[in-house]
Amino acid sequence: MDWHAWHGAYDSPDSPLAERLHTVQHRISLALDDAPPGPLRVVSVCAGQGRDLIGALDGHPRRADVTARLVELDPRNTAEAHRAAAALGLPRVTAVTGDAALTDAYAGMAPADLVLLCGVFGNITLADIERVTGFCTRLCAENGTVIWTRNRQRPDVFPQVCGWLEERGFDRVWVSDPERAQGVGVHRYTGPPGELPPGERMFTFIGYDVLRGADHAR
């Protein structure tokens, strides 16, 4: 999979990914609106070109409060994110080329006020999704927000992901219409954050194309 070319679907206004992007940007804006005054920390896992956060910050009144780390493995996507942030005058939005699955990528930024897990859960195994929901209690600050996505293809695991988060102390804030192909969830953490351990792998990124191929082979 060419993950740089994959972003082209966002430029088709009628595509499910463009609809998802618009929804995520709107939910980010609302989360920033609801956050208490003062500095805000944001981390984005498998951030791609950072279109969700950077687009939401464009013109937002809290943009100057945000310090963000966008972690992405493809250096072409990181470069795109860096250019977009610079063009909008967002010096504290940093795009980092690295393995977003490693806890070390978030050192000094966790616990964060906003954690973005967009485009992650559709590319990893169900066991790893559950594992990541556990790490969310360490990535996310108390009263912080997690915005996440998962397609609604059958078998639809979206409700199961909601359950895992809610078992771990997250309150459901909002979820998208289940009839939409690309689901978006917003959860707020109500407990005290645990310490994010160094040197641990939270998940293995496989890719939705490989996962679907394995399902068809069964």
N, C-alpha and C. Protein backbone atom coordinates (compact mmCIF):
# COMPACT_ATOMS: atom_id res chain seq x y z
N MET A 1 0.85 -1.20 0.00
CA MET A 1 0.00 0.00 0.00
C MET A 1 0.88 1.25 0.00
N ASP A 2 0.60 2.16 -0.93
CA ASP A 2 1.28 3.45 -0.96
C ASP A 2 0.46 4.42 -0.11
N TRP A 3 0.90 4.66 1.11
CA TRP A 3 0.12 5.45 2.06
C TRP A 3 0.17 6.95 1.76
N HIS A 4 1.09 7.35 0.90
CA HIS A 4 1.09 8.74 0.45
C HIS A 4 0.00 8.94 -0.59
N ALA A 5 -0.05 8.06 -1.59
CA ALA A 5 -1.08 8.15 -2.63
C ALA A 5 -2.48 7.92 -2.05
N TRP A 6 -2.57 7.11 -1.00
CA TRP A 6 -3.86 6.81 -0.36
C TRP A 6 -4.60 8.08 0.05
N HIS A 7 -3.87 9.13 0.41
CA HIS A 7 -4.49 10.37 0.87
C HIS A 7 -5.27 11.07 -0.24
N GLY A 8 -5.08 10.67 -1.49
CA GLY A 8 -5.81 11.30 -2.58
C GLY A 8 -7.31 11.17 -2.45
N ALA A 9 -7.78 10.13 -1.76
CA ALA A 9 -9.22 9.95 -1.58
C ALA A 9 -9.85 11.10 -0.78
N TYR A 10 -9.06 11.77 0.04
CA TYR A 10 -9.58 12.91 0.79
C TYR A 10 -9.98 14.07 -0.13
N ASP A 11 -9.39 14.10 -1.32
CA ASP A 11 -9.66 15.21 -2.25
C ASP A 11 -10.91 14.98 -3.07
N SER A 12 -11.54 13.81 -2.93
CA SER A 12 -12.82 13.54 -3.60
C SER A 12 -13.93 13.84 -2.61
N PRO A 13 -14.65 14.94 -2.78
CA PRO A 13 -15.58 15.39 -1.74
C PRO A 13 -16.69 14.41 -1.40
N ASP A 14 -17.02 13.50 -2.31
CA ASP A 14 -18.10 12.55 -2.04
C ASP A 14 -17.60 11.22 -1.50
N SER A 15 -16.30 11.08 -1.27
CA SER A 15 -15.77 9.81 -0.81
C SER A 15 -16.04 9.62 0.69
N PRO A 16 -16.17 8.36 1.15
CA PRO A 16 -16.35 8.11 2.58
C PRO A 16 -15.21 8.67 3.42
N LEU A 17 -13.99 8.68 2.89
CA LEU A 17 -12.86 9.21 3.66
C LEU A 17 -12.96 10.72 3.81
N ALA A 18 -13.42 11.41 2.76
CA ALA A 18 -13.59 12.86 2.88
C ALA A 18 -14.68 13.18 3.90
N GLU A 19 -15.74 12.40 3.92
CA GLU A 19 -16.80 12.59 4.91
C GLU A 19 -16.27 12.34 6.31
N ARG A 20 -15.45 11.28 6.46
CA ARG A 20 -14.85 11.00 7.77
C ARG A 20 -13.95 12.14 8.22
N LEU A 21 -13.14 12.65 7.29
CA LEU A 21 -12.24 13.75 7.63
C LEU A 21 -13.01 14.96 8.13
N HIS A 22 -14.07 15.31 7.44
CA HIS A 22 -14.89 16.45 7.85
C HIS A 22 -15.46 16.23 9.25
N THR A 23 -15.93 15.00 9.50
CA THR A 23 -16.50 14.69 10.82
C THR A 23 -15.44 14.78 11.91
N VAL A 24 -14.27 14.21 11.65
CA VAL A 24 -13.20 14.24 12.66
C VAL A 24 -12.76 15.67 12.93
N GLN A 25 -12.61 16.47 11.89
CA GLN A 25 -12.22 17.86 12.10
C GLN A 25 -13.25 18.60 12.96
N HIS A 26 -14.51 18.34 12.69
CA HIS A 26 -15.57 18.99 13.48
C HIS A 26 -15.50 18.56 14.94
N ARG A 27 -15.28 17.27 15.18
CA ARG A 27 -15.22 16.79 16.57
C ARG A 27 -13.97 17.31 17.27
N ILE A 28 -12.87 17.46 16.55
CA ILE A 28 -11.67 18.07 17.14
C ILE A 28 -11.98 19.51 17.56
N SER A 29 -12.63 20.26 16.68
CA SER A 29 -12.98 21.64 17.00
C SER A 29 -13.84 21.72 18.26
N LEU A 30 -14.82 20.82 18.37
CA LEU A 30 -15.68 20.81 19.55
C LEU A 30 -14.89 20.45 20.81
N ALA A 31 -13.97 19.49 20.69
CA ALA A 31 -13.15 19.10 21.84
C ALA A 31 -12.29 20.27 22.31
N LEU A 32 -11.74 21.02 21.37
CA LEU A 32 -10.94 22.19 21.74
C LEU A 32 -11.81 23.27 22.37
N ASP A 33 -13.02 23.43 21.84
CA ASP A 33 -13.96 24.40 22.42
C ASP A 33 -14.26 24.07 23.88
N ASP A 34 -14.40 22.77 24.18
CA ASP A 34 -14.80 22.33 25.51
C ASP A 34 -13.64 22.25 26.50
N ALA A 35 -12.41 22.29 26.01
CA ALA A 35 -11.25 22.13 26.88
C ALA A 35 -11.09 23.36 27.78
N PRO A 36 -10.57 23.16 29.00
CA PRO A 36 -10.37 24.31 29.90
C PRO A 36 -9.32 25.27 29.36
N PRO A 37 -9.32 26.50 29.81
CA PRO A 37 -8.33 27.47 29.33
C PRO A 37 -6.91 27.02 29.63
N GLY A 38 -5.99 27.46 28.80
CA GLY A 38 -4.59 27.14 29.03
C GLY A 38 -4.01 26.27 27.93
N PRO A 39 -2.75 25.86 28.10
CA PRO A 39 -2.09 25.05 27.07
C PRO A 39 -2.77 23.69 26.89
N LEU A 40 -2.74 23.19 25.67
CA LEU A 40 -3.34 21.90 25.33
C LEU A 40 -2.31 21.06 24.60
N ARG A 41 -2.22 19.79 25.02
CA ARG A 41 -1.32 18.86 24.35
C ARG A 41 -2.13 17.87 23.52
N VAL A 42 -1.66 17.63 22.30
CA VAL A 42 -2.34 16.73 21.38
C VAL A 42 -1.32 15.75 20.81
N VAL A 43 -1.70 14.47 20.75
CA VAL A 43 -0.88 13.49 20.04
C VAL A 43 -1.76 12.82 18.99
N SER A 44 -1.16 12.54 17.85
CA SER A 44 -1.86 11.87 16.76
C SER A 44 -1.07 10.64 16.35
N VAL A 45 -1.72 9.48 16.44
CA VAL A 45 -1.10 8.18 16.17
C VAL A 45 -1.35 7.80 14.71
N CYS A 46 -0.27 7.44 13.98
CA CYS A 46 -0.39 7.15 12.54
C CYS A 46 -1.05 8.35 11.86
N ALA A 47 -0.42 9.50 12.00
CA ALA A 47 -1.05 10.77 11.66
C ALA A 47 -1.18 11.04 10.17
N GLY A 48 -0.49 10.28 9.33
CA GLY A 48 -0.55 10.57 7.91
C GLY A 48 -0.06 11.97 7.62
N GLN A 49 -0.82 12.72 6.86
CA GLN A 49 -0.46 14.09 6.52
C GLN A 49 -1.03 15.12 7.50
N GLY A 50 -1.62 14.63 8.58
CA GLY A 50 -2.11 15.51 9.62
C GLY A 50 -3.29 16.37 9.22
N ARG A 51 -4.03 15.92 8.21
CA ARG A 51 -5.12 16.76 7.71
C ARG A 51 -6.21 16.99 8.74
N ASP A 52 -6.44 16.01 9.61
CA ASP A 52 -7.52 16.15 10.59
C ASP A 52 -7.22 17.28 11.57
N LEU A 53 -6.10 17.20 12.26
CA LEU A 53 -5.78 18.21 13.27
C LEU A 53 -5.46 19.56 12.63
N ILE A 54 -4.60 19.56 11.62
CA ILE A 54 -4.19 20.83 11.01
C ILE A 54 -5.40 21.54 10.41
N GLY A 55 -6.28 20.78 9.75
CA GLY A 55 -7.48 21.39 9.20
C GLY A 55 -8.39 21.96 10.27
N ALA A 56 -8.49 21.27 11.41
CA ALA A 56 -9.34 21.75 12.50
C ALA A 56 -8.77 23.00 13.15
N LEU A 57 -7.45 23.13 13.17
CA LEU A 57 -6.81 24.29 13.80
C LEU A 57 -6.85 25.54 12.91
N ASP A 58 -7.10 25.36 11.63
CA ASP A 58 -7.14 26.49 10.71
C ASP A 58 -8.25 27.45 11.12
N GLY A 59 -7.87 28.58 11.70
CA GLY A 59 -8.83 29.58 12.13
C GLY A 59 -9.48 29.34 13.47
N HIS A 60 -9.11 28.25 14.16
CA HIS A 60 -9.73 27.97 15.46
C HIS A 60 -9.18 28.91 16.53
N PRO A 61 -10.03 29.43 17.42
CA PRO A 61 -9.57 30.38 18.44
C PRO A 61 -8.59 29.79 19.45
N ARG A 62 -8.53 28.46 19.58
CA ARG A 62 -7.59 27.84 20.53
C ARG A 62 -6.29 27.39 19.86
N ARG A 63 -6.09 27.73 18.61
CA ARG A 63 -4.93 27.21 17.87
C ARG A 63 -3.60 27.53 18.55
N ALA A 64 -3.49 28.71 19.16
CA ALA A 64 -2.23 29.10 19.79
C ALA A 64 -1.98 28.34 21.08
N ASP A 65 -3.02 27.71 21.63
CA ASP A 65 -2.86 26.95 22.88
C ASP A 65 -2.33 25.54 22.63
N VAL A 66 -2.35 25.11 21.38
CA VAL A 66 -2.09 23.70 21.07
C VAL A 66 -0.62 23.44 20.77
N THR A 67 -0.08 22.46 21.50
CA THR A 67 1.21 21.85 21.16
C THR A 67 0.91 20.42 20.77
N ALA A 68 1.33 20.02 19.57
CA ALA A 68 0.95 18.71 19.06
C ALA A 68 2.15 17.96 18.50
N ARG A 69 2.07 16.65 18.63
CA ARG A 69 3.05 15.76 18.00
C ARG A 69 2.30 14.78 17.11
N LEU A 70 2.59 14.84 15.83
CA LEU A 70 1.99 13.95 14.84
C LEU A 70 3.03 12.91 14.46
N VAL A 71 2.74 11.65 14.72
CA VAL A 71 3.72 10.58 14.49
C VAL A 71 3.28 9.75 13.28
N GLU A 72 4.18 9.63 12.31
CA GLU A 72 3.86 8.99 11.03
C GLU A 72 5.13 8.33 10.47
N LEU A 73 4.98 7.13 9.93
CA LEU A 73 6.14 6.37 9.46
C LEU A 73 6.62 6.81 8.07
N ASP A 74 5.72 7.22 7.19
CA ASP A 74 6.08 7.58 5.82
C ASP A 74 6.62 9.01 5.78
N PRO A 75 7.89 9.20 5.44
CA PRO A 75 8.47 10.54 5.47
C PRO A 75 7.81 11.50 4.48
N ARG A 76 7.22 10.98 3.41
CA ARG A 76 6.52 11.86 2.46
C ARG A 76 5.30 12.49 3.12
N ASN A 77 4.58 11.70 3.92
CA ASN A 77 3.43 12.23 4.64
C ASN A 77 3.85 13.21 5.73
N THR A 78 4.94 12.88 6.41
CA THR A 78 5.45 13.79 7.43
C THR A 78 5.81 15.14 6.82
N ALA A 79 6.44 15.11 5.65
CA ALA A 79 6.81 16.35 4.97
C ALA A 79 5.57 17.16 4.60
N GLU A 80 4.51 16.48 4.15
CA GLU A 80 3.27 17.18 3.82
C GLU A 80 2.68 17.84 5.07
N ALA A 81 2.68 17.11 6.18
CA ALA A 81 2.15 17.66 7.42
C ALA A 81 2.96 18.87 7.88
N HIS A 82 4.27 18.76 7.75
CA HIS A 82 5.15 19.87 8.15
C HIS A 82 4.86 21.11 7.31
N ARG A 83 4.71 20.92 6.00
CA ARG A 83 4.43 22.06 5.13
C ARG A 83 3.08 22.69 5.45
N ALA A 84 2.07 21.86 5.69
CA ALA A 84 0.74 22.38 5.98
C ALA A 84 0.72 23.17 7.29
N ALA A 85 1.39 22.65 8.31
CA ALA A 85 1.44 23.35 9.60
C ALA A 85 2.18 24.67 9.47
N ALA A 86 3.28 24.66 8.73
CA ALA A 86 4.05 25.89 8.54
C ALA A 86 3.24 26.93 7.78
N ALA A 87 2.49 26.49 6.77
CA ALA A 87 1.70 27.42 5.96
C ALA A 87 0.63 28.11 6.77
N LEU A 88 0.13 27.45 7.81
CA LEU A 88 -0.92 28.01 8.66
C LEU A 88 -0.35 28.71 9.90
N GLY A 89 0.97 28.75 10.01
CA GLY A 89 1.58 29.40 11.16
C GLY A 89 1.33 28.66 12.45
N LEU A 90 1.60 27.34 12.43
CA LEU A 90 1.41 26.49 13.60
C LEU A 90 2.76 25.90 14.03
N PRO A 91 3.64 26.70 14.62
CA PRO A 91 5.00 26.23 14.92
C PRO A 91 5.05 25.14 15.97
N ARG A 92 4.00 25.02 16.79
CA ARG A 92 4.02 24.01 17.86
C ARG A 92 3.33 22.71 17.44
N VAL A 93 2.95 22.63 16.17
CA VAL A 93 2.45 21.37 15.62
C VAL A 93 3.61 20.72 14.89
N THR A 94 4.12 19.63 15.46
CA THR A 94 5.32 18.99 14.97
C THR A 94 4.99 17.63 14.37
N ALA A 95 5.47 17.40 13.16
CA ALA A 95 5.31 16.10 12.51
C ALA A 95 6.61 15.32 12.64
N VAL A 96 6.53 14.13 13.18
CA VAL A 96 7.70 13.30 13.47
C VAL A 96 7.64 12.03 12.64
N THR A 97 8.72 11.73 11.94
CA THR A 97 8.80 10.47 11.21
C THR A 97 9.28 9.38 12.15
N GLY A 98 8.43 8.39 12.39
CA GLY A 98 8.79 7.32 13.30
C GLY A 98 7.68 6.30 13.41
N ASP A 99 7.94 5.26 14.20
CA ASP A 99 6.97 4.19 14.39
C ASP A 99 5.95 4.61 15.44
N ALA A 100 4.73 4.88 15.00
CA ALA A 100 3.68 5.37 15.89
C ALA A 100 3.22 4.32 16.89
N ALA A 101 3.61 3.06 16.68
CA ALA A 101 3.19 2.00 17.58
C ALA A 101 4.02 1.96 18.86
N LEU A 102 5.14 2.65 18.89
CA LEU A 102 6.05 2.59 20.03
C LEU A 102 5.74 3.68 21.05
N THR A 103 5.70 3.32 22.30
CA THR A 103 5.39 4.31 23.34
C THR A 103 6.43 5.43 23.39
N ASP A 104 7.66 5.14 23.00
CA ASP A 104 8.71 6.15 23.05
C ASP A 104 8.38 7.35 22.16
N ALA A 105 7.54 7.15 21.15
CA ALA A 105 7.20 8.24 20.23
C ALA A 105 6.43 9.36 20.93
N TYR A 106 5.87 9.08 22.11
CA TYR A 106 5.02 10.05 22.80
C TYR A 106 5.64 10.55 24.10
N ALA A 107 6.91 10.25 24.29
CA ALA A 107 7.61 10.69 25.50
C ALA A 107 7.57 12.22 25.59
N GLY A 108 7.20 12.71 26.76
CA GLY A 108 7.12 14.15 26.98
C GLY A 108 5.81 14.77 26.54
N MET A 109 4.94 13.99 25.87
CA MET A 109 3.65 14.52 25.42
C MET A 109 2.46 13.84 26.09
N ALA A 110 2.67 12.69 26.65
CA ALA A 110 1.60 11.97 27.35
C ALA A 110 1.74 12.18 28.86
N PRO A 111 0.60 12.35 29.55
CA PRO A 111 -0.77 12.28 29.04
C PRO A 111 -1.17 13.55 28.31
N ALA A 112 -1.93 13.36 27.24
CA ALA A 112 -2.33 14.47 26.38
C ALA A 112 -3.80 14.81 26.59
N ASP A 113 -4.15 16.05 26.27
CA ASP A 113 -5.53 16.50 26.40
C ASP A 113 -6.40 15.97 25.27
N LEU A 114 -5.78 15.67 24.13
CA LEU A 114 -6.50 15.12 22.99
C LEU A 114 -5.62 14.07 22.32
N VAL A 115 -6.18 12.88 22.16
CA VAL A 115 -5.48 11.77 21.51
C VAL A 115 -6.27 11.41 20.25
N LEU A 116 -5.59 11.39 19.12
CA LEU A 116 -6.22 11.06 17.85
C LEU A 116 -5.77 9.69 17.39
N LEU A 117 -6.75 8.81 17.21
CA LEU A 117 -6.50 7.45 16.71
C LEU A 117 -7.36 7.26 15.45
N CYS A 118 -7.04 8.01 14.44
CA CYS A 118 -7.83 8.03 13.22
C CYS A 118 -7.10 7.25 12.13
N GLY A 119 -7.78 6.23 11.59
CA GLY A 119 -7.15 5.39 10.59
C GLY A 119 -6.23 4.33 11.16
N VAL A 120 -6.36 4.06 12.45
CA VAL A 120 -5.51 3.05 13.11
C VAL A 120 -6.25 1.72 13.24
N PHE A 121 -7.44 1.74 13.82
CA PHE A 121 -8.11 0.49 14.21
C PHE A 121 -8.52 -0.38 13.02
N GLY A 122 -8.65 0.20 11.85
CA GLY A 122 -8.96 -0.62 10.68
C GLY A 122 -7.76 -1.33 10.08
N ASN A 123 -6.58 -1.05 10.63
CA ASN A 123 -5.34 -1.59 10.07
C ASN A 123 -4.58 -2.50 11.02
N ILE A 124 -5.21 -2.85 12.14
CA ILE A 124 -4.57 -3.72 13.12
C ILE A 124 -5.56 -4.81 13.54
N THR A 125 -5.05 -5.84 14.19
CA THR A 125 -5.91 -6.95 14.59
C THR A 125 -6.83 -6.54 15.73
N LEU A 126 -7.88 -7.33 15.94
CA LEU A 126 -8.83 -7.07 17.01
C LEU A 126 -8.13 -7.12 18.36
N ALA A 127 -7.22 -8.07 18.54
CA ALA A 127 -6.48 -8.16 19.81
C ALA A 127 -5.66 -6.90 20.06
N ASP A 128 -5.08 -6.36 18.99
CA ASP A 128 -4.29 -5.14 19.15
C ASP A 128 -5.17 -3.92 19.39
N ILE A 129 -6.37 -3.90 18.82
CA ILE A 129 -7.29 -2.80 19.13
C ILE A 129 -7.58 -2.77 20.63
N GLU A 130 -7.88 -3.94 21.19
CA GLU A 130 -8.14 -3.99 22.63
C GLU A 130 -6.91 -3.55 23.42
N ARG A 131 -5.75 -3.97 22.97
CA ARG A 131 -4.51 -3.57 23.65
C ARG A 131 -4.33 -2.05 23.62
N VAL A 132 -4.61 -1.43 22.49
CA VAL A 132 -4.47 0.02 22.37
C VAL A 132 -5.44 0.74 23.30
N THR A 133 -6.67 0.22 23.45
CA THR A 133 -7.61 0.88 24.36
C THR A 133 -7.06 0.89 25.78
N GLY A 134 -6.28 -0.11 26.14
CA GLY A 134 -5.63 -0.09 27.45
C GLY A 134 -4.57 0.99 27.53
N PHE A 135 -3.81 1.15 26.47
CA PHE A 135 -2.78 2.20 26.46
C PHE A 135 -3.39 3.59 26.45
N CYS A 136 -4.64 3.70 26.01
CA CYS A 136 -5.29 5.01 26.00
C CYS A 136 -5.39 5.60 27.40
N THR A 137 -5.46 4.76 28.43
CA THR A 137 -5.52 5.25 29.80
C THR A 137 -4.18 5.84 30.24
N ARG A 138 -3.16 5.66 29.44
CA ARG A 138 -1.83 6.21 29.71
C ARG A 138 -1.48 7.36 28.75
N LEU A 139 -2.06 7.30 27.58
CA LEU A 139 -1.84 8.37 26.61
C LEU A 139 -2.68 9.59 26.91
N CYS A 140 -3.84 9.38 27.54
CA CYS A 140 -4.84 10.43 27.70
C CYS A 140 -4.86 10.99 29.12
N ALA A 141 -4.90 12.30 29.24
CA ALA A 141 -5.00 12.95 30.54
C ALA A 141 -6.40 12.78 31.11
N GLU A 142 -6.53 12.96 32.41
CA GLU A 142 -7.85 12.94 33.02
C GLU A 142 -8.72 14.03 32.41
N ASN A 143 -9.92 13.68 32.01
CA ASN A 143 -10.85 14.56 31.31
C ASN A 143 -10.40 14.89 29.89
N GLY A 144 -9.37 14.20 29.44
CA GLY A 144 -8.94 14.36 28.06
C GLY A 144 -9.84 13.56 27.12
N THR A 145 -9.70 13.82 25.84
CA THR A 145 -10.58 13.24 24.83
C THR A 145 -9.79 12.35 23.87
N VAL A 146 -10.38 11.22 23.53
CA VAL A 146 -9.87 10.35 22.47
C VAL A 146 -10.87 10.39 21.31
N ILE A 147 -10.37 10.71 20.13
CA ILE A 147 -11.19 10.65 18.92
C ILE A 147 -10.61 9.53 18.05
N TRP A 148 -11.46 8.59 17.68
CA TRP A 148 -10.98 7.40 16.98
C TRP A 148 -11.93 7.05 15.83
N THR A 149 -11.43 6.24 14.92
CA THR A 149 -12.25 5.83 13.77
C THR A 149 -12.13 4.33 13.56
N ARG A 150 -13.17 3.79 12.94
CA ARG A 150 -13.17 2.37 12.53
C ARG A 150 -14.27 2.19 11.50
N ASN A 151 -13.98 1.48 10.42
CA ASN A 151 -15.04 1.24 9.44
C ASN A 151 -16.14 0.37 10.05
N ARG A 152 -17.32 0.42 9.43
CA ARG A 152 -18.48 -0.30 9.95
C ARG A 152 -18.78 -1.55 9.12
N GLN A 153 -17.77 -2.07 8.43
CA GLN A 153 -17.98 -3.29 7.65
C GLN A 153 -18.25 -4.47 8.58
N ARG A 154 -19.01 -5.43 8.06
CA ARG A 154 -19.29 -6.63 8.84
C ARG A 154 -18.10 -7.58 8.81
N PRO A 155 -17.79 -8.20 9.96
CA PRO A 155 -18.43 -7.99 11.26
C PRO A 155 -18.07 -6.63 11.85
N ASP A 156 -19.07 -5.90 12.29
CA ASP A 156 -18.89 -4.54 12.79
C ASP A 156 -18.36 -4.60 14.23
N VAL A 157 -17.10 -4.21 14.40
CA VAL A 157 -16.51 -4.26 15.74
C VAL A 157 -16.58 -2.90 16.45
N PHE A 158 -17.20 -1.92 15.81
CA PHE A 158 -17.29 -0.59 16.41
C PHE A 158 -17.90 -0.62 17.81
N PRO A 159 -19.04 -1.31 18.00
CA PRO A 159 -19.60 -1.37 19.36
C PRO A 159 -18.66 -2.03 20.37
N GLN A 160 -17.89 -3.00 19.91
CA GLN A 160 -16.95 -3.68 20.81
C GLN A 160 -15.84 -2.73 21.25
N VAL A 161 -15.37 -1.88 20.33
CA VAL A 161 -14.34 -0.91 20.69
C VAL A 161 -14.90 0.08 21.72
N CYS A 162 -16.14 0.52 21.51
CA CYS A 162 -16.78 1.38 22.51
C CYS A 162 -16.79 0.71 23.88
N GLY A 163 -17.14 -0.57 23.90
CA GLY A 163 -17.19 -1.31 25.16
C GLY A 163 -15.84 -1.38 25.84
N TRP A 164 -14.79 -1.65 25.08
CA TRP A 164 -13.46 -1.73 25.68
C TRP A 164 -13.05 -0.40 26.29
N LEU A 165 -13.30 0.68 25.59
CA LEU A 165 -12.96 1.99 26.14
C LEU A 165 -13.76 2.29 27.39
N GLU A 166 -15.03 1.97 27.37
CA GLU A 166 -15.90 2.29 28.50
C GLU A 166 -15.59 1.42 29.71
N GLU A 167 -15.13 0.21 29.49
CA GLU A 167 -14.68 -0.64 30.60
C GLU A 167 -13.44 -0.07 31.28
N ARG A 168 -12.70 0.76 30.56
CA ARG A 168 -11.44 1.29 31.06
C ARG A 168 -11.56 2.73 31.57
N GLY A 169 -12.78 3.18 31.78
CA GLY A 169 -12.99 4.48 32.41
C GLY A 169 -13.26 5.63 31.46
N PHE A 170 -13.60 5.33 30.20
CA PHE A 170 -13.94 6.37 29.25
C PHE A 170 -15.46 6.52 29.15
N ASP A 171 -15.92 7.75 29.13
CA ASP A 171 -17.33 8.03 28.91
C ASP A 171 -17.56 8.30 27.42
N ARG A 172 -18.65 7.75 26.91
CA ARG A 172 -19.00 8.01 25.52
C ARG A 172 -19.54 9.42 25.38
N VAL A 173 -18.91 10.21 24.53
CA VAL A 173 -19.35 11.58 24.26
C VAL A 173 -20.24 11.62 23.03
N TRP A 174 -19.81 10.91 21.98
CA TRP A 174 -20.54 10.96 20.72
C TRP A 174 -20.03 9.84 19.83
N VAL A 175 -20.93 9.24 19.06
CA VAL A 175 -20.53 8.31 18.01
C VAL A 175 -21.34 8.62 16.76
N SER A 176 -20.76 8.37 15.61
CA SER A 176 -21.42 8.68 14.35
C SER A 176 -22.53 7.69 14.05
N ASP A 177 -23.36 8.04 13.10
CA ASP A 177 -24.47 7.20 12.65
C ASP A 177 -23.92 5.86 12.17
N PRO A 178 -24.45 4.74 12.68
CA PRO A 178 -23.92 3.43 12.28
C PRO A 178 -24.12 3.11 10.81
N GLU A 179 -24.97 3.87 10.12
CA GLU A 179 -25.18 3.64 8.70
C GLU A 179 -24.04 4.20 7.85
N ARG A 180 -23.20 5.04 8.44
CA ARG A 180 -22.07 5.59 7.70
C ARG A 180 -20.97 4.53 7.59
N ALA A 181 -20.33 4.48 6.42
CA ALA A 181 -19.30 3.46 6.18
C ALA A 181 -18.11 3.62 7.10
N GLN A 182 -17.74 4.87 7.39
CA GLN A 182 -16.59 5.15 8.23
C GLN A 182 -17.07 5.71 9.57
N GLY A 183 -16.93 4.92 10.63
CA GLY A 183 -17.40 5.34 11.94
C GLY A 183 -16.40 6.21 12.66
N VAL A 184 -16.91 7.15 13.44
CA VAL A 184 -16.09 8.04 14.27
C VAL A 184 -16.63 7.98 15.69
N GLY A 185 -15.73 7.83 16.66
CA GLY A 185 -16.12 7.81 18.07
C GLY A 185 -15.36 8.87 18.86
N VAL A 186 -16.02 9.41 19.88
CA VAL A 186 -15.41 10.38 20.78
C VAL A 186 -15.65 9.91 22.21
N HIS A 187 -14.58 9.71 22.96
CA HIS A 187 -14.68 9.28 24.35
C HIS A 187 -13.82 10.19 25.24
N ARG A 188 -14.30 10.40 26.46
CA ARG A 188 -13.57 11.24 27.42
C ARG A 188 -13.14 10.37 28.60
N TYR A 189 -11.86 10.52 28.98
CA TYR A 189 -11.31 9.69 30.06
C TYR A 189 -11.63 10.30 31.41
N THR A 190 -12.18 9.50 32.31
CA THR A 190 -12.63 9.99 33.62
C THR A 190 -11.68 9.62 34.76
N GLY A 191 -10.68 8.79 34.48
CA GLY A 191 -9.79 8.34 35.55
C GLY A 191 -8.45 9.03 35.52
N PRO A 192 -7.63 8.79 36.54
CA PRO A 192 -6.27 9.34 36.53
C PRO A 192 -5.41 8.58 35.54
N PRO A 193 -4.58 9.28 34.76
CA PRO A 193 -3.75 8.59 33.78
C PRO A 193 -2.64 7.79 34.43
N GLY A 194 -2.36 6.62 33.87
CA GLY A 194 -1.21 5.85 34.31
C GLY A 194 0.05 6.35 33.61
N GLU A 195 1.17 5.89 34.08
CA GLU A 195 2.45 6.27 33.46
C GLU A 195 2.64 5.48 32.16
N LEU A 196 3.03 6.16 31.10
CA LEU A 196 3.27 5.50 29.83
C LEU A 196 4.64 4.83 29.87
N PRO A 197 4.69 3.50 29.82
CA PRO A 197 5.98 2.82 29.96
C PRO A 197 6.84 3.01 28.70
N PRO A 198 8.13 3.18 28.88
CA PRO A 198 9.00 3.32 27.70
C PRO A 198 9.26 1.97 27.05
N GLY A 199 9.59 2.02 25.77
CA GLY A 199 10.07 0.84 25.06
C GLY A 199 9.05 -0.24 24.80
N GLU A 200 7.77 0.09 24.80
CA GLU A 200 6.74 -0.92 24.53
C GLU A 200 6.07 -0.68 23.19
N ARG A 201 5.67 -1.79 22.56
CA ARG A 201 4.94 -1.72 21.30
C ARG A 201 3.45 -1.88 21.61
N MET A 202 2.66 -0.90 21.19
CA MET A 202 1.24 -0.91 21.48
C MET A 202 0.46 -1.76 20.48
N PHE A 203 0.95 -1.85 19.25
CA PHE A 203 0.26 -2.61 18.21
C PHE A 203 1.23 -2.88 17.07
N THR A 204 0.81 -3.75 16.17
CA THR A 204 1.54 -3.99 14.92
C THR A 204 0.65 -3.55 13.77
N PHE A 205 1.12 -2.59 13.00
CA PHE A 205 0.36 -2.08 11.86
C PHE A 205 0.47 -3.08 10.71
N ILE A 206 -0.67 -3.63 10.31
CA ILE A 206 -0.70 -4.65 9.26
C ILE A 206 -1.20 -4.06 7.94
N GLY A 207 -2.22 -3.25 7.98
CA GLY A 207 -2.82 -2.67 6.79
C GLY A 207 -4.14 -3.34 6.46
N TYR A 208 -5.14 -2.53 6.13
CA TYR A 208 -6.48 -3.09 5.90
C TYR A 208 -6.50 -4.01 4.69
N ASP A 209 -5.63 -3.73 3.70
CA ASP A 209 -5.60 -4.59 2.51
C ASP A 209 -5.14 -5.99 2.85
N VAL A 210 -4.13 -6.10 3.72
CA VAL A 210 -3.61 -7.39 4.14
C VAL A 210 -4.62 -8.10 5.04
N LEU A 211 -5.24 -7.37 5.95
CA LEU A 211 -6.23 -7.96 6.85
C LEU A 211 -7.42 -8.50 6.08
N ARG A 212 -7.89 -7.76 5.09
CA ARG A 212 -9.03 -8.25 4.31
C ARG A 212 -8.64 -9.48 3.50
N GLY A 213 -7.42 -9.50 2.98
CA GLY A 213 -6.96 -10.67 2.24
C GLY A 213 -6.92 -11.91 3.12
N ALA A 214 -6.49 -11.74 4.38
CA ALA A 214 -6.44 -12.86 5.31
C ALA A 214 -7.84 -13.35 5.64
N ASP A 215 -8.82 -12.40 5.77
CA ASP A 215 -10.20 -12.80 6.05
C ASP A 215 -10.78 -13.61 4.91
N HIS A 216 -10.50 -13.19 3.68
CA HIS A 216 -11.05 -13.90 2.52
C HIS A 216 -10.42 -15.28 2.36
N ALA A 217 -9.21 -15.44 2.88
CA ALA A 217 -8.51 -16.71 2.73
C ALA A 217 -9.03 -17.76 3.71
N ARG A 218 -9.75 -17.33 4.73
CA ARG A 218 -10.23 -18.28 5.74
C ARG A 218 -11.39 -19.13 5.21
